[in-house]
Amino acid sequence: MLQYSAMKRSLLAGLCLLVLAFAGTGRAVASSNFDAGIAASRNHAWDAAITILTIALGEPDLPAHRRATAYYERGFAYCETAQYNKAVADLTLAIRLESGHADWWRERAMAYAQEGLTDQAIADETEAMKFRRNDPALYSERALLDLDRSRWQDAIADLSAAIALAPGNANLYFLRGHAFRLVGESARAVEDESRALDLDSRLVDAREERAAAYEDQGQYSRALDDFKAKLARQDDIQVRFHIGIAEWYLGRYSDSAAAFADLLRRNPGDGNTVLWFALAKTGLGDRSFDELAQSARGVDLDRWPGPIIALYLEKLPLRRLLAIASTGTPQALAQQRCDVDFYVGEWELRANPATAKSLFRNAVSACPADLVVRRTAAFELARMH
């Protein structure tokens, strides 16, 4: 399943919020272990901070406000060392003792997100907003979590609020443009990505995102220009792939085939590139699939999308392909169903156009907007009319 989005599904992987909150260190008799643990945390000596703060938390005379801070700091250190379940436990104890710190709620949100508990993370970001309503970071962080849960409209609302508070932040426009594209508002997506690039021309991911929005509008030349502009600044295999597709949309099959041939030299085992190379050659009138057999030599035909290549090569009957596509995890099933609808549609296109049209319609109606196969199925339907 190929996506245009430059964003990765683990939107927050490996990051913890670099916000430190220190509560009332002068209101009680200092604990040397507490002070040493805080100092270790400030110096990013996370393992030492965990060890020393554990000793401090074992001291029965540690004042309550310092105990709350110690739990927070140790939770922060656990987060920095990827011990997210321990981070959640400590941050929960800190919040129970003192619930009025926005940074404590947002840090637990980070830990929840890393544990895959996105709903809990969203709830914590929402709680943090009660104490810091005018912080654009909180809105943007919650928007990232909304995006992770495919809550596009919620993400748009949060990003709009963040933009109102920080109108000069290019990344906020980039993210909102992405969300607009996923709800089918390609014109607004283009506007936001253009604004992002006006604010920061180095934000090359905005060019890729705008290119995808241009493709949604059928502006394939503009899309190609943006893909090439990104490639000029950043060599990216996925962008090279999309350049090949954009050339295909424009009917420049020789250029498309050349782009995919170049990708195959770089990565000969990529089944999706093999399939698109075959589609480009088909556009040039080659239905023999002789070159497909050569280009597929490095592909495992038993591993998806290998079975589709085997169908094209007449090594696998359609009924067997459909059976293979019906097995796997829910995520794999969704990907495989969309791939089948598009690639089998292409396979049927010339001999059985009515069947191809039905499969393309399935892809357009059932597949996520961000999938290349959905986009190209829509393109095929448009030119079949």
Protein backbone atom coordinates (compact mmCIF):
# COMPACT_ATOMS: atom_id res chain seq x y z
CA MET A 1 0.00 0.00 0.00
CA LEU A 2 1.67 3.14 -1.20
CA GLN A 3 0.80 6.52 0.27
CA TYR A 4 1.62 10.06 -0.71
CA SER A 5 1.74 11.27 2.87
CA ALA A 6 5.19 12.16 4.10
CA MET A 7 3.94 11.68 7.57
CA LYS A 8 4.65 8.39 9.19
CA ARG A 9 1.98 6.39 11.05
CA SER A 10 4.12 6.51 14.23
CA LEU A 11 3.79 10.28 14.27
CA LEU A 12 5.55 10.72 17.60
CA ALA A 13 7.97 7.78 17.63
CA GLY A 14 11.11 8.25 19.68
CA LEU A 15 10.19 11.74 20.86
CA CYS A 16 9.28 12.95 24.30
CA LEU A 17 8.08 16.42 25.06
CA LEU A 18 11.07 18.45 26.11
CA VAL A 19 9.20 20.38 28.74
CA LEU A 20 10.43 20.36 32.33
CA ALA A 21 8.33 21.52 35.23
CA PHE A 22 9.87 21.97 38.64
CA ALA A 23 7.50 22.58 41.52
CA GLY A 24 8.22 24.45 44.72
CA THR A 25 11.81 23.42 45.39
CA GLY A 26 12.22 26.08 48.08
CA ARG A 27 9.19 25.33 50.22
CA ALA A 28 10.58 22.47 52.27
CA VAL A 29 13.78 21.10 53.62
CA ALA A 30 15.88 20.01 50.65
CA SER A 31 16.39 16.35 50.03
CA SER A 32 19.84 15.71 48.66
CA ASN A 33 18.61 12.74 46.64
CA PHE A 34 15.71 14.75 45.27
CA ASP A 35 18.03 17.61 44.25
CA ALA A 36 20.56 15.21 42.76
CA GLY A 37 17.84 13.42 40.80
CA ILE A 38 16.51 16.71 39.42
CA ALA A 39 20.04 17.75 38.45
CA ALA A 40 20.57 14.44 36.63
CA SER A 41 17.30 14.94 34.75
CA ARG A 42 18.28 18.46 33.73
CA ASN A 43 21.58 17.08 32.43
CA HIS A 44 19.71 14.38 30.45
CA ALA A 45 21.40 11.67 32.52
CA TRP A 46 18.23 9.63 32.42
CA ASP A 47 19.43 6.36 33.96
CA ALA A 48 21.04 8.22 36.84
CA ALA A 49 17.90 10.32 37.29
CA ILE A 50 15.76 7.19 37.52
CA THR A 51 18.07 5.57 40.08
CA ILE A 52 18.42 8.64 42.30
CA LEU A 53 14.78 9.65 42.14
CA THR A 54 13.78 6.12 43.08
CA ILE A 55 15.85 6.51 46.25
CA ALA A 56 14.28 9.90 46.89
CA LEU A 57 10.79 8.50 46.49
CA GLY A 58 11.63 5.85 49.06
CA GLU A 59 12.30 8.52 51.70
CA PRO A 60 9.26 8.75 53.99
CA ASP A 61 9.91 12.40 54.86
CA LEU A 62 9.96 13.64 51.24
CA PRO A 63 7.41 16.51 51.13
CA ALA A 64 4.27 15.85 49.08
CA HIS A 65 4.95 18.55 46.52
CA ARG A 66 8.45 17.19 45.95
CA ARG A 67 7.11 13.65 45.76
CA ALA A 68 4.77 14.76 42.96
CA THR A 69 7.66 16.41 41.11
CA ALA A 70 9.87 13.36 41.62
CA TYR A 71 7.23 11.12 40.08
CA TYR A 72 6.94 13.51 37.15
CA GLU A 73 10.70 13.71 36.62
CA ARG A 74 11.15 9.96 36.87
CA GLY A 75 8.22 9.49 34.47
CA PHE A 76 9.88 11.93 32.10
CA ALA A 77 13.13 9.94 32.31
CA TYR A 78 11.25 6.70 31.70
CA CYS A 79 9.73 8.28 28.61
CA GLU A 80 13.16 9.37 27.37
CA THR A 81 14.43 5.81 27.79
CA ALA A 82 11.39 4.31 25.98
CA GLN A 83 9.96 2.71 29.13
CA TYR A 84 6.52 4.06 28.38
CA ASN A 85 4.42 1.83 30.63
CA LYS A 86 6.53 2.88 33.61
CA ALA A 87 6.26 6.48 32.46
CA VAL A 88 2.47 6.24 32.46
CA ALA A 89 2.47 4.78 35.98
CA ASP A 90 4.71 7.53 37.38
CA LEU A 91 2.96 10.36 35.61
CA THR A 92 -0.40 9.07 36.85
CA LEU A 93 0.90 9.21 40.43
CA ALA A 94 2.24 12.72 39.86
CA ILE A 95 -1.09 13.91 38.47
CA ARG A 96 -3.00 12.38 41.37
CA LEU A 97 -0.89 14.41 43.76
CA GLU A 98 -0.94 17.63 41.74
CA SER A 99 -3.30 17.78 38.77
CA GLY A 100 -2.75 21.40 37.75
CA HIS A 101 0.32 21.10 35.55
CA ALA A 102 -0.29 21.17 31.80
CA ASP A 103 3.13 19.68 31.11
CA TRP A 104 2.42 16.64 33.24
CA TRP A 105 -0.76 15.85 31.31
CA ARG A 106 0.97 16.33 27.95
CA GLU A 107 3.91 14.16 28.99
CA ARG A 108 1.54 11.35 29.92
CA ALA A 109 -0.19 11.92 26.57
CA MET A 110 3.18 11.28 24.92
CA ALA A 111 3.67 8.07 26.85
CA TYR A 112 0.14 6.90 26.06
CA ALA A 113 0.72 7.64 22.37
CA GLN A 114 3.88 5.57 22.37
CA GLU A 115 1.94 2.70 23.94
CA GLY A 116 -0.62 2.95 21.14
CA LEU A 117 -3.31 4.33 23.48
CA THR A 118 -4.27 7.22 21.25
CA ASP A 119 -7.66 7.92 22.79
CA GLN A 120 -6.12 8.28 26.25
CA ALA A 121 -3.43 10.51 24.77
CA ILE A 122 -6.04 12.77 23.18
CA ALA A 123 -7.90 12.98 26.49
CA ASP A 124 -4.70 14.06 28.27
CA GLU A 125 -3.89 16.70 25.66
CA THR A 126 -7.43 18.01 26.14
CA GLU A 127 -6.91 18.16 29.89
CA ALA A 128 -3.64 20.04 29.43
CA MET A 129 -5.50 22.67 27.41
CA LYS A 130 -7.56 23.59 30.47
CA PHE A 131 -4.41 25.00 32.03
CA ARG A 132 -2.84 26.45 28.89
CA ARG A 133 -5.53 27.41 26.38
CA ASN A 134 -3.36 29.61 24.20
CA ASP A 135 -0.54 27.16 23.54
CA PRO A 136 -0.44 26.25 19.82
CA ALA A 137 1.76 23.26 20.60
CA LEU A 138 -1.06 21.57 22.50
CA TYR A 139 -3.44 21.98 19.57
CA SER A 140 -0.88 20.72 17.08
CA GLU A 141 0.01 17.74 19.28
CA ARG A 142 -3.64 16.78 19.60
CA ALA A 143 -4.03 17.24 15.85
CA LEU A 144 -1.23 14.73 15.24
CA LEU A 145 -3.07 12.26 17.43
CA ASP A 146 -6.31 12.99 15.56
CA LEU A 147 -4.51 12.27 12.30
CA ASP A 148 -3.22 9.01 13.74
CA ARG A 149 -6.84 8.02 14.42
CA SER A 150 -8.05 9.23 10.99
CA ARG A 151 -10.13 11.93 12.65
CA TRP A 152 -9.51 14.37 9.84
CA GLN A 153 -12.09 17.02 10.74
CA ASP A 154 -10.95 17.10 14.38
CA ALA A 155 -7.38 17.53 13.16
CA ILE A 156 -8.42 20.38 10.87
CA ALA A 157 -10.18 22.12 13.76
CA ASP A 158 -7.16 21.78 16.05
CA LEU A 159 -4.71 22.90 13.38
CA SER A 160 -6.90 25.89 12.55
CA ALA A 161 -6.80 26.86 16.24
CA ALA A 162 -3.02 26.42 16.29
CA ILE A 163 -2.63 28.53 13.14
CA ALA A 164 -4.70 31.31 14.70
CA LEU A 165 -2.23 31.33 17.60
CA ALA A 166 0.93 30.84 15.49
CA PRO A 167 0.20 32.05 11.93
CA GLY A 168 3.88 32.03 10.96
CA ASN A 169 4.39 28.30 11.55
CA ALA A 170 4.82 26.58 8.18
CA ASN A 171 4.44 23.08 9.61
CA LEU A 172 0.92 23.82 10.81
CA TYR A 173 -0.19 24.72 7.29
CA PHE A 174 1.56 21.62 5.95
CA LEU A 175 -0.31 19.37 8.37
CA ARG A 176 -3.67 21.05 7.79
CA GLY A 177 -3.18 20.81 4.04
CA HIS A 178 -2.60 17.09 4.46
CA ALA A 179 -5.83 16.75 6.43
CA PHE A 180 -7.78 18.83 3.90
CA ARG A 181 -6.59 16.54 1.12
CA LEU A 182 -7.72 13.46 3.01
CA VAL A 183 -11.26 14.83 3.34
CA GLY A 184 -11.36 15.60 -0.37
CA GLU A 185 -10.80 19.36 -0.17
CA SER A 186 -7.91 19.44 -2.61
CA ALA A 187 -8.21 23.17 -3.39
CA ARG A 188 -7.82 24.08 0.28
CA ALA A 189 -4.97 21.57 0.52
CA VAL A 190 -3.16 23.35 -2.31
CA GLU A 191 -3.73 26.70 -0.58
CA ASP A 192 -2.30 25.46 2.70
CA GLU A 193 0.71 23.73 1.16
CA SER A 194 1.44 26.85 -0.91
CA ARG A 195 1.25 28.96 2.26
CA ALA A 196 3.62 26.54 4.00
CA LEU A 197 6.10 26.89 1.15
CA ASP A 198 5.78 30.67 1.20
CA LEU A 199 6.73 30.61 4.86
CA ASP A 200 9.49 28.04 4.46
CA SER A 201 10.66 27.05 0.98
CA ARG A 202 12.85 24.34 2.52
CA LEU A 203 9.78 22.37 3.63
CA VAL A 204 10.06 19.89 0.78
CA ASP A 205 7.40 17.56 2.19
CA ALA A 206 4.88 20.33 1.47
CA ARG A 207 5.81 20.06 -2.21
CA GLU A 208 5.08 16.34 -2.18
CA GLU A 209 1.79 16.94 -0.38
CA ARG A 210 0.80 19.72 -2.80
CA ALA A 211 1.68 17.44 -5.71
CA ALA A 212 -0.77 14.85 -4.41
CA ALA A 213 -3.46 17.54 -4.10
CA TYR A 214 -2.75 18.68 -7.66
CA GLU A 215 -3.22 15.11 -8.82
CA ASP A 216 -6.59 15.02 -7.07
CA GLN A 217 -7.51 18.03 -9.21
CA GLY A 218 -6.21 16.43 -12.40
CA GLN A 219 -3.38 18.97 -12.65
CA TYR A 220 -0.75 16.37 -13.45
CA SER A 221 1.86 18.71 -14.94
CA ARG A 222 1.85 20.82 -11.78
CA ALA A 223 2.06 17.66 -9.68
CA LEU A 224 5.05 16.49 -11.69
CA ASP A 225 6.76 19.85 -11.24
CA ASP A 226 6.34 19.64 -7.46
CA PHE A 227 7.57 16.06 -7.29
CA LYS A 228 10.64 17.01 -9.32
CA ALA A 229 11.21 20.09 -7.14
CA LYS A 230 11.26 17.90 -4.05
CA LEU A 231 13.56 15.39 -5.72
CA ALA A 232 15.98 18.20 -6.60
CA ARG A 233 16.37 18.93 -2.89
CA GLN A 234 15.99 15.47 -1.44
CA ASP A 235 16.60 12.13 -3.14
CA ASP A 236 13.59 10.03 -2.19
CA ILE A 237 12.66 6.63 -3.63
CA GLN A 238 8.95 7.24 -3.05
CA VAL A 239 9.08 10.56 -4.89
CA ARG A 240 10.82 8.88 -7.82
CA PHE A 241 7.98 6.35 -7.80
CA HIS A 242 5.37 9.11 -7.93
CA ILE A 243 7.22 10.84 -10.75
CA GLY A 244 6.80 7.64 -12.76
CA ILE A 245 3.07 7.63 -11.99
CA ALA A 246 2.67 11.32 -12.87
CA GLU A 247 4.33 10.67 -16.23
CA TRP A 248 1.89 7.78 -16.71
CA TYR A 249 -1.09 10.06 -15.96
CA LEU A 250 0.21 12.45 -18.61
CA GLY A 251 0.37 9.63 -21.15
CA ARG A 252 4.15 9.84 -21.38
CA TYR A 253 4.62 6.11 -21.11
CA SER A 254 8.23 6.04 -22.30
CA ASP A 255 9.23 8.49 -19.56
CA SER A 256 7.14 6.56 -17.06
CA ALA A 257 8.76 3.25 -18.01
CA ALA A 258 12.21 4.84 -17.80
CA ALA A 259 11.46 6.13 -14.28
CA PHE A 260 10.33 2.70 -13.10
CA ALA A 261 13.25 0.96 -14.80
CA ASP A 262 15.60 3.27 -12.91
CA LEU A 263 13.83 2.39 -9.66
CA LEU A 264 14.16 -1.30 -10.41
CA ARG A 265 17.90 -0.87 -10.81
CA ARG A 266 17.94 0.69 -7.36
CA ASN A 267 15.58 -1.81 -5.75
CA PRO A 268 15.02 -4.88 -7.95
CA GLY A 269 12.86 -6.67 -5.39
CA ASP A 270 10.06 -4.11 -5.12
CA GLY A 271 6.85 -5.69 -6.38
CA ASN A 272 4.91 -2.44 -6.71
CA THR A 273 7.58 -0.96 -8.97
CA VAL A 274 7.53 -4.12 -11.07
CA LEU A 275 3.78 -3.82 -11.51
CA TRP A 276 3.95 -0.16 -12.47
CA PHE A 277 6.76 -0.84 -14.92
CA ALA A 278 4.42 -3.38 -16.52
CA LEU A 279 1.60 -0.81 -16.66
CA ALA A 280 3.91 1.72 -18.31
CA LYS A 281 4.98 -0.87 -20.89
CA THR A 282 1.32 -1.75 -21.45
CA GLY A 283 0.70 1.91 -22.23
CA LEU A 284 3.34 1.54 -24.94
CA GLY A 285 1.36 -1.37 -26.40
CA ASP A 286 3.35 -4.24 -24.88
CA ARG A 287 0.89 -6.88 -23.66
CA SER A 288 3.32 -9.80 -23.88
CA PHE A 289 4.69 -9.22 -20.38
CA ASP A 290 8.06 -10.55 -21.53
CA GLU A 291 9.81 -7.66 -19.79
CA LEU A 292 7.64 -8.22 -16.71
CA ALA A 293 9.04 -11.73 -16.40
CA GLN A 294 12.56 -10.30 -16.51
CA SER A 295 11.91 -7.45 -14.10
CA ALA A 296 10.13 -9.76 -11.62
CA ARG A 297 13.09 -12.10 -11.20
CA GLY A 298 14.07 -10.50 -7.90
CA VAL A 299 10.52 -10.52 -6.47
CA ASP A 300 9.16 -13.13 -4.07
CA LEU A 301 5.92 -14.09 -5.83
CA ASP A 302 4.56 -15.60 -2.61
CA ARG A 303 4.82 -12.30 -0.75
CA TRP A 304 2.33 -9.52 -1.43
CA PRO A 305 2.06 -8.04 -4.04
CA GLY A 306 3.91 -10.95 -5.64
CA PRO A 307 0.70 -12.95 -6.23
CA ILE A 308 -0.61 -10.13 -8.46
CA ILE A 309 2.56 -10.35 -10.54
CA ALA A 310 2.03 -14.12 -10.73
CA LEU A 311 -1.49 -13.46 -12.08
CA TYR A 312 -0.10 -11.15 -14.76
CA LEU A 313 2.43 -13.83 -15.69
CA GLU A 314 -0.34 -16.46 -15.79
CA LYS A 315 1.36 -18.42 -13.04
CA LEU A 316 -1.60 -18.01 -10.66
CA PRO A 317 -5.34 -18.25 -11.44
CA LEU A 318 -7.56 -15.37 -10.39
CA ARG A 319 -9.55 -17.47 -7.91
CA ARG A 320 -6.31 -18.38 -6.12
CA LEU A 321 -5.25 -14.71 -6.02
CA LEU A 322 -8.60 -13.76 -4.49
CA ALA A 323 -8.20 -16.48 -1.87
CA ILE A 324 -4.72 -15.20 -0.95
CA ALA A 325 -5.99 -11.62 -0.78
CA SER A 326 -8.66 -12.74 1.72
CA THR A 327 -6.16 -13.85 4.36
CA GLY A 328 -4.10 -11.81 6.82
CA THR A 329 -4.46 -9.14 9.44
CA PRO A 330 -7.25 -6.53 9.12
CA GLN A 331 -4.70 -3.99 7.91
CA ALA A 332 -3.26 -6.42 5.36
CA LEU A 333 -6.74 -7.38 4.17
CA ALA A 334 -7.63 -3.74 3.49
CA GLN A 335 -4.42 -3.19 1.54
CA GLN A 336 -4.77 -6.40 -0.43
CA ARG A 337 -8.42 -5.75 -1.33
CA CYS A 338 -7.58 -2.32 -2.71
CA ASP A 339 -4.60 -3.67 -4.63
CA VAL A 340 -6.76 -6.42 -6.13
CA ASP A 341 -9.47 -3.97 -7.21
CA PHE A 342 -6.99 -1.77 -9.03
CA TYR A 343 -4.42 -4.19 -10.45
CA VAL A 344 -6.97 -6.83 -11.47
CA GLY A 345 -8.98 -3.99 -12.99
CA GLU A 346 -5.92 -3.10 -15.08
CA TRP A 347 -5.48 -6.76 -15.98
CA GLU A 348 -9.12 -6.98 -17.15
CA LEU A 349 -9.22 -3.54 -18.79
CA ARG A 350 -8.82 -4.48 -22.43
CA ALA A 351 -10.55 -7.84 -22.57
CA ASN A 352 -13.35 -7.13 -20.07
CA PRO A 353 -13.82 -3.37 -19.65
CA ALA A 354 -17.12 -3.75 -17.78
CA THR A 355 -15.42 -5.93 -15.17
CA ALA A 356 -12.54 -3.47 -14.96
CA LYS A 357 -14.94 -0.56 -14.45
CA SER A 358 -16.68 -2.41 -11.60
CA LEU A 359 -13.35 -3.12 -9.90
CA PHE A 360 -12.20 0.48 -10.29
CA ARG A 361 -15.48 1.66 -8.76
CA ASN A 362 -14.87 -0.66 -5.81
CA ALA A 363 -11.43 0.87 -5.28
CA VAL A 364 -12.75 4.43 -5.42
CA SER A 365 -15.62 3.77 -3.04
CA ALA A 366 -13.86 1.56 -0.49
CA CYS A 367 -10.17 2.48 -0.43
CA PRO A 368 -8.57 5.28 1.62
CA ALA A 369 -8.11 8.55 -0.23
CA ASP A 370 -4.36 8.47 0.33
CA LEU A 371 -3.73 5.28 -1.65
CA VAL A 372 -2.15 5.44 -5.09
CA VAL A 373 -4.36 2.59 -6.28
CA ARG A 374 -7.52 4.50 -5.33
CA ARG A 375 -6.31 7.65 -7.06
CA THR A 376 -5.38 5.77 -10.22
CA ALA A 377 -8.65 3.84 -10.23
CA ALA A 378 -10.45 7.20 -10.21
CA PHE A 379 -8.23 8.33 -13.10
CA GLU A 380 -9.12 5.21 -15.11
CA LEU A 381 -12.84 5.69 -14.48
CA ALA A 382 -12.62 9.30 -15.64
CA ARG A 383 -11.00 8.38 -18.94
CA MET A 384 -13.38 5.45 -19.54
CA HIS A 385 -16.31 7.89 -19.83
